[in-house]
N, C-alpha and C. Protein backbone atom coordinates (compact mmCIF):
# COMPACT_ATOMS: atom_id res chain seq x y z
N MET A 1 168.13 95.89 149.80
CA MET A 1 166.78 95.22 150.27
C MET A 1 165.58 95.36 151.06
N SER A 2 164.85 94.33 150.91
CA SER A 2 163.58 94.83 150.88
C SER A 2 163.94 94.53 153.00
N ASP A 3 162.91 95.01 153.40
CA ASP A 3 162.86 94.77 155.16
C ASP A 3 161.47 93.40 155.03
N HIS A 4 160.76 93.38 153.94
CA HIS A 4 160.10 91.87 154.35
C HIS A 4 160.84 90.72 153.83
N SER A 5 160.76 90.06 155.07
CA SER A 5 160.96 88.72 155.07
C SER A 5 159.79 87.49 154.95
N TYR A 6 160.15 86.40 154.41
CA TYR A 6 158.89 85.51 154.43
C TYR A 6 159.13 84.49 155.67
N ASN A 7 158.58 84.20 155.95
CA ASN A 7 158.09 83.55 157.12
C ASN A 7 156.91 82.35 157.10
N PRO A 8 157.30 80.91 157.21
CA PRO A 8 156.14 80.01 157.10
C PRO A 8 155.21 80.02 158.04
N ALA A 9 155.90 80.31 159.22
CA ALA A 9 154.78 79.78 160.27
C ALA A 9 153.20 81.21 159.98
N ASP A 10 153.86 82.35 159.67
CA ASP A 10 152.61 83.07 159.65
C ASP A 10 152.36 82.71 158.21
N SER A 11 152.39 81.84 156.92
CA SER A 11 151.68 81.60 155.92
C SER A 11 151.00 80.25 156.63
N ALA A 12 151.27 79.79 157.21
CA ALA A 12 150.88 78.39 157.85
C ALA A 12 149.34 78.78 159.32
N LYS A 13 149.53 80.12 159.70
CA LYS A 13 148.30 80.67 160.22
C LYS A 13 147.31 81.27 159.14
N SER A 14 147.45 81.94 158.35
CA SER A 14 146.11 82.08 157.54
C SER A 14 145.79 81.26 156.91
N ASN A 15 146.06 79.78 156.76
CA ASN A 15 145.75 78.96 155.47
C ASN A 15 145.68 78.38 156.20
N ASN A 16 145.11 77.98 157.97
CA ASN A 16 144.26 77.18 159.06
C ASN A 16 143.10 75.93 158.05
N PRO A 17 143.60 74.98 158.04
CA PRO A 17 142.22 74.39 157.50
C PRO A 17 140.64 74.36 158.22
N LEU A 18 141.02 75.10 159.43
CA LEU A 18 140.00 74.72 160.45
C LEU A 18 139.18 75.91 159.93
N LYS A 19 139.54 77.41 159.98
CA LYS A 19 139.14 78.66 159.44
C LYS A 19 138.57 78.58 158.12
N VAL A 20 139.46 77.53 156.99
CA VAL A 20 138.75 77.50 155.89
C VAL A 20 137.35 76.77 156.02
N ALA A 21 137.15 76.12 157.07
CA ALA A 21 135.80 75.29 156.89
C ALA A 21 135.22 75.65 157.37
N ILE A 22 135.66 76.15 158.85
CA ILE A 22 134.00 77.13 159.19
C ILE A 22 133.52 78.26 158.37
N ALA A 23 134.70 79.13 157.49
CA ALA A 23 134.05 79.87 156.58
C ALA A 23 132.81 79.45 155.36
N VAL A 24 133.40 78.32 155.16
CA VAL A 24 132.49 77.39 154.01
C VAL A 24 131.29 77.53 155.19
N VAL A 25 131.01 76.63 155.86
CA VAL A 25 130.03 76.34 156.74
C VAL A 25 129.06 77.28 157.15
N VAL A 26 129.58 78.69 157.68
CA VAL A 26 128.66 79.40 157.53
C VAL A 26 128.46 80.66 155.63
N GLY A 27 129.18 80.18 155.49
CA GLY A 27 128.70 80.31 153.56
C GLY A 27 127.75 79.98 153.38
N VAL A 28 127.69 78.42 153.63
CA VAL A 28 126.39 77.61 153.46
C VAL A 28 125.47 77.94 153.38
N LEU A 29 125.36 77.71 155.14
CA LEU A 29 124.17 78.42 155.67
C LEU A 29 123.57 79.60 155.12
N ALA A 30 124.79 80.52 155.30
CA ALA A 30 123.75 82.41 154.61
C ALA A 30 122.85 81.99 153.53
N LEU A 31 123.23 80.83 152.55
CA LEU A 31 123.09 80.99 150.98
C LEU A 31 121.37 80.10 151.46
N ILE A 32 121.52 79.26 152.24
CA ILE A 32 120.31 78.78 152.30
C ILE A 32 119.07 79.04 153.53
N ILE A 33 119.79 80.39 154.31
CA ILE A 33 118.66 81.22 154.74
C ILE A 33 118.47 81.74 153.80
N GLY A 34 119.34 82.30 153.01
CA GLY A 34 118.78 83.68 152.00
C GLY A 34 117.79 82.57 151.00
N ILE A 35 118.41 82.11 150.32
CA ILE A 35 117.13 81.31 149.79
C ILE A 35 115.88 80.79 150.49
N ILE A 36 115.86 80.52 152.13
CA ILE A 36 114.65 80.51 152.37
C ILE A 36 114.06 81.19 152.16
N LEU A 37 114.62 82.74 152.57
CA LEU A 37 113.56 83.97 152.98
C LEU A 37 113.46 84.95 151.95
N LEU A 38 113.99 84.32 150.32
CA LEU A 38 113.64 84.62 148.95
C LEU A 38 112.72 84.16 148.55
N THR A 39 112.34 82.45 148.98
CA THR A 39 111.06 81.91 148.68
C THR A 39 109.57 81.83 149.43
N ARG A 40 110.23 82.46 150.88
CA ARG A 40 109.23 82.43 151.43
C ARG A 40 108.22 84.08 151.20
N PHE A 41 109.38 84.73 150.67
CA PHE A 41 108.79 86.66 150.08
C PHE A 41 108.06 86.05 148.79
N ALA A 42 108.83 85.36 148.17
CA ALA A 42 107.92 85.28 146.29
C ALA A 42 106.65 84.73 146.81
N VAL A 43 107.03 83.51 147.59
CA VAL A 43 105.03 82.83 147.53
C VAL A 43 103.87 84.08 148.71
N GLY A 44 104.94 84.63 149.62
CA GLY A 44 104.06 85.21 150.70
C GLY A 44 103.81 83.87 152.21
N THR A 45 103.47 85.04 152.55
CA THR A 45 103.86 84.49 154.58
C THR A 45 102.51 83.51 154.28
N HIS A 46 101.71 83.56 153.94
CA HIS A 46 99.94 82.38 154.42
C HIS A 46 100.35 81.09 153.23
N GLU A 47 99.94 80.21 154.34
CA GLU A 47 99.95 78.94 153.66
C GLU A 47 99.75 78.68 151.65
N MET A 48 100.19 77.95 150.94
CA MET A 48 99.90 77.93 149.50
C MET A 48 98.47 76.70 150.11
N GLY A 49 97.65 77.29 149.29
CA GLY A 49 96.15 76.25 148.70
C GLY A 49 94.94 76.90 149.74
N THR A 50 95.22 77.61 150.92
CA THR A 50 93.90 77.58 151.76
C THR A 50 93.29 78.33 150.92
N ASN A 51 93.62 79.67 150.68
CA ASN A 51 92.88 80.45 149.53
C ASN A 51 92.12 80.07 148.40
N VAL A 52 92.79 78.90 147.46
CA VAL A 52 93.03 78.99 146.36
C VAL A 52 91.90 78.41 146.17
N ALA A 53 91.01 77.63 146.58
CA ALA A 53 89.55 77.32 146.54
C ALA A 53 88.55 78.46 146.61
N ALA A 54 88.73 79.41 147.56
CA ALA A 54 88.02 80.82 147.92
C ALA A 54 87.97 81.79 146.41
N ALA A 55 89.20 81.82 146.21
CA ALA A 55 89.61 82.84 145.11
C ALA A 55 88.93 81.98 143.17
N ASN A 56 88.64 80.81 143.21
CA ASN A 56 88.92 80.34 142.06
C ASN A 56 87.05 79.96 141.51
N THR A 57 86.64 80.77 143.17
CA THR A 57 84.51 80.08 142.49
C THR A 57 84.61 81.20 141.75
N PRO A 58 82.92 80.62 141.20
CA PRO A 58 82.43 81.39 139.64
C PRO A 58 82.26 83.04 140.53
N GLU A 59 81.62 83.62 141.87
CA GLU A 59 81.46 84.57 142.45
C GLU A 59 83.14 85.36 142.46
N ALA A 60 84.21 84.88 143.15
CA ALA A 60 85.41 85.48 143.33
C ALA A 60 85.55 86.12 141.84
N ILE A 61 85.67 84.96 141.24
CA ILE A 61 86.11 85.63 139.53
C ILE A 61 85.41 86.48 138.78
N ASN A 62 83.83 86.50 139.01
CA ASN A 62 83.11 87.74 138.24
C ASN A 62 83.48 88.65 138.86
N LYS A 63 83.71 88.56 140.71
CA LYS A 63 83.90 90.18 140.97
C LYS A 63 85.08 90.70 140.70
N ARG A 64 86.44 89.36 140.16
CA ARG A 64 87.73 90.13 139.54
C ARG A 64 87.79 90.68 138.32
N ILE A 65 86.90 90.29 137.91
CA ILE A 65 86.72 90.87 135.87
C ILE A 65 85.52 92.08 136.17
N ALA A 66 84.69 92.05 136.66
CA ALA A 66 83.30 93.36 136.31
C ALA A 66 84.06 94.30 136.12
N PRO A 67 83.32 94.69 135.03
CA PRO A 67 83.30 96.28 134.84
C PRO A 67 83.43 97.02 135.79
N ALA A 68 84.12 98.59 135.66
CA ALA A 68 84.03 99.26 136.25
C ALA A 68 83.25 99.70 136.61
N ALA A 69 82.26 99.99 135.29
CA ALA A 69 80.80 101.23 135.41
C ALA A 69 79.95 100.12 134.36
N VAL A 70 78.76 100.52 134.92
CA VAL A 70 78.24 99.72 133.43
C VAL A 70 76.65 100.73 133.34
N LEU A 71 76.34 101.28 132.29
CA LEU A 71 75.96 102.08 132.43
C LEU A 71 74.26 100.81 130.72
N LEU A 72 73.54 100.33 132.15
CA LEU A 72 72.22 99.60 131.65
C LEU A 72 70.70 100.72 131.31
N VAL A 73 70.42 100.30 130.16
CA VAL A 73 69.70 100.80 129.18
C VAL A 73 67.99 100.36 129.68
N ASP A 74 67.15 101.28 129.94
CA ASP A 74 65.42 100.97 130.31
C ASP A 74 65.01 101.10 129.16
N THR A 75 64.08 100.25 129.00
CA THR A 75 63.58 100.48 127.30
C THR A 75 61.69 100.45 128.13
N SER A 76 61.43 100.38 129.18
CA SER A 76 60.43 100.21 129.54
C SER A 76 59.98 101.34 129.47
N LYS A 77 60.32 102.15 130.44
CA LYS A 77 60.18 103.60 130.55
C LYS A 77 60.29 105.07 129.82
N GLY A 78 59.54 105.73 129.64
CA GLY A 78 59.77 107.15 128.63
C GLY A 78 60.55 108.11 129.72
N ALA A 79 60.73 109.39 128.63
CA ALA A 79 61.43 110.34 129.36
C ALA A 79 60.28 111.53 129.83
N ALA A 80 59.93 111.32 130.90
CA ALA A 80 58.98 112.73 131.54
C ALA A 80 59.94 114.37 131.37
N ALA A 81 59.14 114.97 131.11
CA ALA A 81 59.31 116.43 130.70
C ALA A 81 60.63 116.61 132.50
N GLY A 82 61.36 116.95 132.53
CA GLY A 82 62.03 116.95 133.93
C GLY A 82 62.30 115.71 134.73
N ALA A 83 61.93 114.88 134.13
CA ALA A 83 62.07 113.79 135.52
C ALA A 83 63.61 112.90 135.27
N SER A 84 64.05 112.71 136.39
CA SER A 84 64.89 111.90 136.89
C SER A 84 65.25 110.82 136.41
N PRO A 85 66.24 110.39 135.40
CA PRO A 85 66.29 108.69 135.03
C PRO A 85 66.41 108.00 136.63
N ALA A 86 65.67 106.88 136.26
CA ALA A 86 65.22 105.82 137.05
C ALA A 86 66.75 104.94 137.38
N VAL A 87 67.18 104.69 138.67
CA VAL A 87 67.97 103.61 138.29
C VAL A 87 68.02 102.07 138.51
N ILE A 88 68.50 101.73 137.73
CA ILE A 88 68.43 100.53 137.20
C ILE A 88 68.76 99.20 138.13
N SER A 89 68.53 98.21 139.13
CA SER A 89 69.50 97.44 139.24
C SER A 89 69.90 96.17 138.37
N ALA A 90 71.42 95.71 139.18
CA ALA A 90 72.24 94.68 138.08
C ALA A 90 71.40 93.68 138.21
N PRO A 91 71.48 92.46 137.24
CA PRO A 91 70.83 91.53 137.53
C PRO A 91 71.26 90.36 138.23
N ALA A 92 70.25 89.81 138.44
CA ALA A 92 70.26 89.05 139.98
C ALA A 92 71.62 88.04 139.82
N ALA A 93 72.32 87.31 141.23
CA ALA A 93 73.38 87.01 141.08
C ALA A 93 73.01 85.32 140.30
N ASN A 94 72.12 84.82 140.37
CA ASN A 94 71.81 83.71 139.76
C ASN A 94 71.30 83.65 138.98
N SER A 95 71.51 85.33 137.52
CA SER A 95 70.77 85.28 136.25
C SER A 95 72.16 84.73 135.26
N PRO A 96 72.31 84.35 134.26
CA PRO A 96 73.29 83.78 133.24
C PRO A 96 74.49 84.85 133.21
N ALA A 97 73.88 85.90 133.25
CA ALA A 97 75.19 87.04 133.24
C ALA A 97 75.50 87.66 134.36
N VAL A 98 76.37 86.81 135.07
CA VAL A 98 76.09 87.20 136.65
C VAL A 98 77.86 88.45 136.80
N ILE A 99 76.91 89.86 137.00
CA ILE A 99 78.05 91.07 136.71
C ILE A 99 77.86 91.48 138.46
N ALA A 100 78.85 92.49 138.97
CA ALA A 100 78.96 92.99 140.02
C ALA A 100 77.90 93.88 140.18
N ALA A 101 77.46 94.93 141.60
CA ALA A 101 76.67 95.77 140.75
C ALA A 101 77.47 96.79 140.23
N PRO A 102 76.96 98.03 139.55
CA PRO A 102 77.40 98.71 138.70
C PRO A 102 77.63 99.66 139.70
N ILE A 103 78.44 100.73 139.20
CA ILE A 103 78.81 101.84 140.23
C ILE A 103 78.15 103.32 139.68
N MET A 104 77.31 103.04 138.69
CA MET A 104 76.69 104.31 138.51
C MET A 104 75.09 103.65 137.25
N ALA A 105 74.53 103.73 137.86
CA ALA A 105 73.48 103.29 136.53
C ALA A 105 72.49 104.52 136.48
N MET A 106 71.61 104.44 135.19
CA MET A 106 70.54 105.28 135.03
C MET A 106 70.24 104.97 133.70
N ALA A 107 68.88 105.27 133.75
CA ALA A 107 68.15 104.83 132.65
C ALA A 107 68.07 105.77 131.40
N ILE A 108 68.14 105.35 130.03
CA ILE A 108 68.39 106.28 128.79
C ILE A 108 66.73 105.92 128.07
N PRO A 109 65.60 106.57 128.52
CA PRO A 109 64.70 106.46 127.75
C PRO A 109 64.68 106.07 126.18
N ALA A 110 63.62 104.82 125.78
CA ALA A 110 63.76 104.31 124.94
C ALA A 110 62.80 104.80 123.73
N ALA A 111 62.09 105.72 124.52
CA ALA A 111 60.70 106.55 123.93
C ALA A 111 60.45 107.17 124.18
N LEU A 112 59.67 108.39 124.03
CA LEU A 112 59.10 109.25 124.55
C LEU A 112 57.56 109.22 124.89
N PRO A 113 57.08 109.64 126.07
CA PRO A 113 55.98 108.64 126.93
C PRO A 113 54.62 109.65 125.28
N ALA A 114 53.81 108.17 125.42
CA ALA A 114 52.34 108.00 124.56
C ALA A 114 51.82 109.70 124.66
N GLY A 115 51.76 110.18 123.80
CA GLY A 115 50.95 111.36 123.44
C GLY A 115 51.61 112.08 123.10
N SER A 116 52.92 112.52 123.93
CA SER A 116 54.16 113.19 123.64
C SER A 116 54.83 113.28 121.70
N ALA A 117 54.62 114.38 120.93
CA ALA A 117 55.65 114.29 119.81
C ALA A 117 56.98 114.18 120.08
N ALA A 118 58.27 113.89 119.47
CA ALA A 118 59.52 113.80 119.62
C ALA A 118 59.60 115.62 118.74
N PRO A 119 60.62 116.47 119.25
CA PRO A 119 60.56 117.68 118.65
C PRO A 119 61.60 117.40 117.36
N ALA A 120 61.56 118.25 116.76
CA ALA A 120 61.93 117.55 114.72
C ALA A 120 63.44 117.99 114.85
N GLY A 121 64.20 117.71 114.31
CA GLY A 121 65.06 117.60 114.08
C GLY A 121 66.55 117.12 114.83
N GLY A 122 67.50 118.13 114.93
CA GLY A 122 68.62 117.60 115.68
C GLY A 122 68.29 117.95 117.39
N GLU A 123 67.58 118.75 117.56
CA GLU A 123 66.45 118.74 119.10
C GLU A 123 66.32 117.71 119.32
N GLY A 124 65.29 116.97 118.29
CA GLY A 124 65.11 115.82 118.24
C GLY A 124 65.30 114.53 119.14
N VAL A 125 66.64 114.46 118.09
CA VAL A 125 68.13 113.68 118.37
C VAL A 125 68.51 113.72 119.76
N TYR A 126 69.00 114.95 120.10
CA TYR A 126 69.48 115.29 120.68
C TYR A 126 68.85 114.71 122.42
N LYS A 127 67.84 115.67 122.28
CA LYS A 127 66.75 114.78 123.68
C LYS A 127 66.53 113.52 123.90
N GLY A 128 66.73 112.53 122.83
CA GLY A 128 65.85 111.17 122.27
C GLY A 128 67.39 110.89 122.97
N GLY A 129 68.18 111.41 122.93
CA GLY A 129 69.43 110.08 123.16
C GLY A 129 70.83 111.01 123.44
N CYS A 130 71.48 111.58 123.16
CA CYS A 130 72.92 112.57 123.16
C CYS A 130 72.54 113.18 124.78
N VAL A 131 71.04 113.83 125.14
CA VAL A 131 71.50 114.32 126.18
C VAL A 131 71.92 113.05 127.63
N ALA A 132 71.85 112.44 127.43
CA ALA A 132 72.09 111.34 128.19
C ALA A 132 73.66 111.06 128.89
N CYS A 133 74.67 111.79 127.69
CA CYS A 133 75.81 112.14 128.64
C CYS A 133 76.31 113.21 127.73
N HIS A 134 76.00 113.74 127.02
CA HIS A 134 76.22 115.65 127.51
C HIS A 134 75.38 116.67 127.95
N GLY A 135 74.62 116.07 128.24
CA GLY A 135 73.78 116.69 129.59
C GLY A 135 74.72 116.51 130.83
N ALA A 136 75.19 115.67 131.47
CA ALA A 136 75.56 115.41 132.38
C ALA A 136 77.21 114.71 132.43
N GLY A 137 77.82 115.20 131.47
CA GLY A 137 79.12 115.08 131.21
C GLY A 137 79.64 113.73 131.37
N ILE A 138 79.34 112.80 131.49
CA ILE A 138 79.49 110.75 130.97
C ILE A 138 80.76 110.63 130.23
N ALA A 139 81.70 109.78 130.87
CA ALA A 139 82.45 109.60 129.89
C ALA A 139 83.04 110.37 128.84
N GLY A 140 83.00 111.66 130.25
CA GLY A 140 84.25 112.23 129.23
C GLY A 140 83.51 113.95 127.95
N ALA A 141 82.28 112.83 127.84
CA ALA A 141 81.78 114.50 126.83
C ALA A 141 81.43 115.56 127.78
N PRO A 142 81.35 116.61 126.49
CA PRO A 142 81.45 117.42 126.92
C PRO A 142 80.16 118.32 127.18
N LYS A 143 79.77 118.57 127.94
CA LYS A 143 78.30 119.11 128.84
C LYS A 143 78.18 120.57 127.72
N VAL A 144 76.44 119.59 127.27
CA VAL A 144 76.19 121.16 126.52
C VAL A 144 75.87 122.49 127.28
N GLY A 145 76.40 123.47 126.92
CA GLY A 145 76.72 124.99 127.69
C GLY A 145 77.73 125.18 128.53
N ASP A 146 78.65 124.40 128.67
CA ASP A 146 80.29 124.52 129.02
C ASP A 146 80.71 124.89 127.13
N LYS A 147 81.11 126.10 126.96
CA LYS A 147 81.17 126.42 126.25
C LYS A 147 83.25 126.35 125.99
N THR A 148 83.84 126.52 127.45
CA THR A 148 85.02 126.05 127.69
C THR A 148 85.30 124.78 127.03
N ALA A 149 84.57 123.66 126.92
CA ALA A 149 85.17 122.65 126.28
C ALA A 149 84.44 121.93 125.29
N TRP A 150 83.58 123.08 125.08
CA TRP A 150 83.21 122.98 123.34
C TRP A 150 84.17 123.39 122.52
N ALA A 151 84.90 124.98 122.83
CA ALA A 151 85.55 125.81 121.77
C ALA A 151 86.56 124.67 121.00
N PRO A 152 87.73 124.09 121.39
CA PRO A 152 88.64 123.36 120.80
C PRO A 152 87.65 122.19 119.64
N ARG A 153 86.98 121.99 120.41
CA ARG A 153 86.37 120.93 119.34
C ARG A 153 85.24 121.12 117.98
N ILE A 154 84.76 122.81 118.51
CA ILE A 154 84.09 123.45 117.35
C ILE A 154 85.18 124.06 116.16
N ALA A 155 86.13 124.35 117.29
CA ALA A 155 87.03 124.94 116.02
C ALA A 155 87.80 124.05 115.18
N GLN A 156 87.77 122.71 115.57
CA GLN A 156 88.04 121.54 114.64
C GLN A 156 87.45 121.36 113.34
N GLY A 157 86.40 121.92 112.93
CA GLY A 157 85.15 122.20 112.53
C GLY A 157 84.44 121.03 112.53
N LYS A 158 83.02 121.10 111.35
CA LYS A 158 82.06 120.58 111.78
C LYS A 158 82.13 118.67 110.82
N PRO A 159 83.00 119.10 109.87
CA PRO A 159 83.42 117.48 109.19
C PRO A 159 84.04 116.83 110.09
N VAL A 160 84.97 116.93 110.86
CA VAL A 160 85.95 116.40 112.10
C VAL A 160 84.49 115.75 112.91
N LEU A 161 83.30 116.79 113.53
CA LEU A 161 82.84 116.35 114.61
C LEU A 161 81.34 115.63 114.21
N TYR A 162 81.35 116.00 112.61
CA TYR A 162 80.21 114.67 112.14
C TYR A 162 81.11 113.08 112.41
N GLU A 163 82.96 113.76 112.12
CA GLU A 163 82.61 111.88 111.63
C GLU A 163 83.14 111.12 113.37
N HIS A 164 83.99 112.24 114.07
CA HIS A 164 83.93 111.84 114.90
C HIS A 164 82.52 111.05 115.83
N ALA A 165 81.60 111.88 115.86
CA ALA A 165 80.22 111.27 116.28
C ALA A 165 79.51 110.27 115.81
N ILE A 166 79.61 110.12 114.24
CA ILE A 166 79.06 108.77 113.07
C ILE A 166 80.17 107.53 113.04
N LYS A 167 81.13 108.19 113.24
CA LYS A 167 82.35 106.61 113.48
C LYS A 167 82.49 106.41 114.86
N GLY A 168 81.97 107.72 115.65
CA GLY A 168 83.20 107.77 117.16
C GLY A 168 84.20 107.67 117.30
N TYR A 169 84.62 107.70 118.38
CA TYR A 169 86.08 108.53 119.08
C TYR A 169 86.69 108.54 120.11
N GLN A 170 87.80 108.48 120.20
CA GLN A 170 88.22 107.79 121.71
C GLN A 170 89.74 108.58 121.90
N GLY A 171 89.75 109.76 122.85
CA GLY A 171 90.64 110.68 122.99
C GLY A 171 91.24 110.61 124.24
N LYS A 172 91.68 112.01 124.66
CA LYS A 172 92.50 112.00 125.90
C LYS A 172 91.75 112.00 126.98
N ALA A 173 90.45 113.28 127.01
CA ALA A 173 89.08 113.21 127.72
C ALA A 173 88.15 112.02 127.88
N GLY A 174 87.88 111.58 126.93
CA GLY A 174 86.97 110.72 126.54
C GLY A 174 86.82 109.79 125.79
N VAL A 175 85.55 108.88 125.77
CA VAL A 175 85.12 108.74 124.40
C VAL A 175 83.80 108.62 124.28
N MET A 176 83.77 109.03 122.45
CA MET A 176 82.02 109.31 122.11
C MET A 176 82.21 107.84 121.14
N PRO A 177 81.16 107.15 121.71
CA PRO A 177 81.08 105.76 120.84
C PRO A 177 79.96 106.27 119.43
N ALA A 178 80.13 105.35 118.29
CA ALA A 178 79.07 105.56 117.22
C ALA A 178 78.12 105.98 117.06
N LYS A 179 77.65 106.72 116.86
CA LYS A 179 76.41 107.25 116.60
C LYS A 179 75.55 107.37 118.03
N GLY A 180 76.22 107.54 119.18
CA GLY A 180 76.15 107.30 120.75
C GLY A 180 75.81 106.22 120.92
N GLY A 181 75.78 105.20 120.37
CA GLY A 181 75.43 104.14 120.70
C GLY A 181 74.25 103.80 119.78
N ASN A 182 73.70 104.36 119.54
CA ASN A 182 72.01 104.56 118.77
C ASN A 182 72.60 104.11 117.19
N VAL A 183 72.62 102.75 116.77
CA VAL A 183 73.45 102.78 115.09
C VAL A 183 72.12 102.56 114.35
N SER A 184 71.09 102.78 114.87
CA SER A 184 69.80 103.06 113.56
C SER A 184 69.55 104.36 113.66
N LEU A 185 70.69 105.31 114.16
CA LEU A 185 70.00 106.05 113.63
C LEU A 185 71.17 106.69 112.04
N ALA A 186 70.41 107.61 111.50
CA ALA A 186 70.92 108.13 109.92
C ALA A 186 72.08 109.14 110.27
N ASP A 187 73.15 109.03 109.37
CA ASP A 187 74.09 109.86 109.33
C ASP A 187 73.24 111.32 109.71
N ALA A 188 72.37 111.31 108.34
CA ALA A 188 71.99 113.11 108.72
C ALA A 188 71.31 113.81 110.38
N ASP A 189 70.71 112.37 110.70
CA ASP A 189 69.89 112.88 112.29
C ASP A 189 71.18 113.32 113.53
N ILE A 190 72.43 112.79 112.64
CA ILE A 190 73.72 112.83 114.06
C ILE A 190 73.94 114.38 113.40
N LYS A 191 74.27 114.46 111.94
CA LYS A 191 74.59 115.96 112.00
C LYS A 191 74.07 116.89 112.65
N ALA A 192 72.61 116.92 112.55
CA ALA A 192 71.46 117.21 112.69
C ALA A 192 72.07 117.99 114.06
N ALA A 193 72.25 116.75 114.90
CA ALA A 193 71.55 117.13 116.49
C ALA A 193 73.60 117.35 116.65
N VAL A 194 74.33 117.12 115.75
CA VAL A 194 75.62 118.03 116.03
C VAL A 194 75.61 119.13 116.17
N ASP A 195 74.45 119.91 115.11
CA ASP A 195 74.86 121.30 114.45
C ASP A 195 73.83 122.15 115.73
N TYR A 196 73.02 120.85 116.29
CA TYR A 196 71.91 121.48 117.44
C TYR A 196 72.86 121.62 118.50
N MET A 197 73.60 120.89 119.12
CA MET A 197 74.77 121.05 120.30
C MET A 197 75.53 122.37 119.86
N VAL A 198 75.95 122.11 118.73
CA VAL A 198 76.85 123.23 118.47
C VAL A 198 76.33 124.53 118.59
N SER A 199 75.03 124.73 118.19
CA SER A 199 74.10 126.15 118.26
C SER A 199 74.43 126.51 119.61
N LEU A 200 74.35 125.62 120.92
CA LEU A 200 74.18 126.23 121.76
C LEU A 200 74.73 126.68 122.53
N ASN A 201 76.29 125.86 122.03
CA ASN A 201 77.78 126.17 122.47
C ASN A 201 78.34 127.33 122.40
N LYS A 202 78.40 128.05 120.90
CA LYS A 202 79.09 129.41 120.11
C LYS A 202 78.72 130.15 121.06
């Protein structure tokens, strides 16, 4: 026979209604405190509504959605030989297109100064626009003279280079806009510029 025997007094002690009531109250309080803490964590420690008005002003919204970089084109200045590009300021805050001050701004000349003739062929196209990115390596553009950066591109063949330059391309290293952003250029001009840059990087 088993050594264990049933004792009604032991059973009564473990099922004491006062202990059960205390356990239920403690459990409910812990649940309420947990919900309050979770709510404070989700909402944040600041009071709701105090910063909503300031965060929803047009200036604050424009600052949040402003582009990381802005390329502003100066069509009023020509490119003097060896001159550094002029920095252009962002539009005034009260103008219709409000943007944050650009991280980087440079002038891309629209035309050569009066009295100077554009070099013929690919060199002229390169100096008239391509140099803005390929001269400084902007937006991941391989710099002219960096043969290491150009070697894998040249290895793809000129038809691929022509297609990327004419239609545009986005790769791991950066972005090439279609026709360098100047869609008025003829495909033949773009091909000539590509040939010129390849000749400088072989």
